Amino acid sequence: MLKIQGMVQFMNNNWNDELFNEWLSLREKFRKAKKDKNYNEVIKICENIIILDKNAKFIKIMVPLFQKEIGNAHLKLGNNKDAKGYYNLAIEGFKLYRKEKSLKNSNDWLKDIDLLENKLKKLN
């Protein structure tokens, strides 16, 4: 019953099967690229996920997670300047999320913020 109620709620928030299927496809491609350590593909897919979020707010994609993944991929490729830029975007996104959204736990995303801030210190 809760599953059906959740679907109805999504439908009322401009549900779009085509966009949702695109999300599922991109998420699967992301997992495969990350597993295969194909960092250029990880970057491309994450950028597409971020673009998708602009048109598919109903999915509630956690964009800072994918910004962090882009930063990690750039770091693996030796693009430290790009990594730093994406880490900063992710930190700001996590902080904004903490400020604007209701959190399940008061510590939500703090570990991610700390991890990224420590990575930035090592890159400077």
Foldseek 3Di string as FASTA:
>chain_A
DVVVVVVVVLVVVVDDPVLVVVVVVLVVQLVVCVVVLVLVSLLVSLVVNVVSCVVRVSVVDLNLVSLQSNLVSCVVVVNNVSSLVSLVVSLVSLVVCLVPDDDPDNCPCVVVNVVSVVVNVVSD
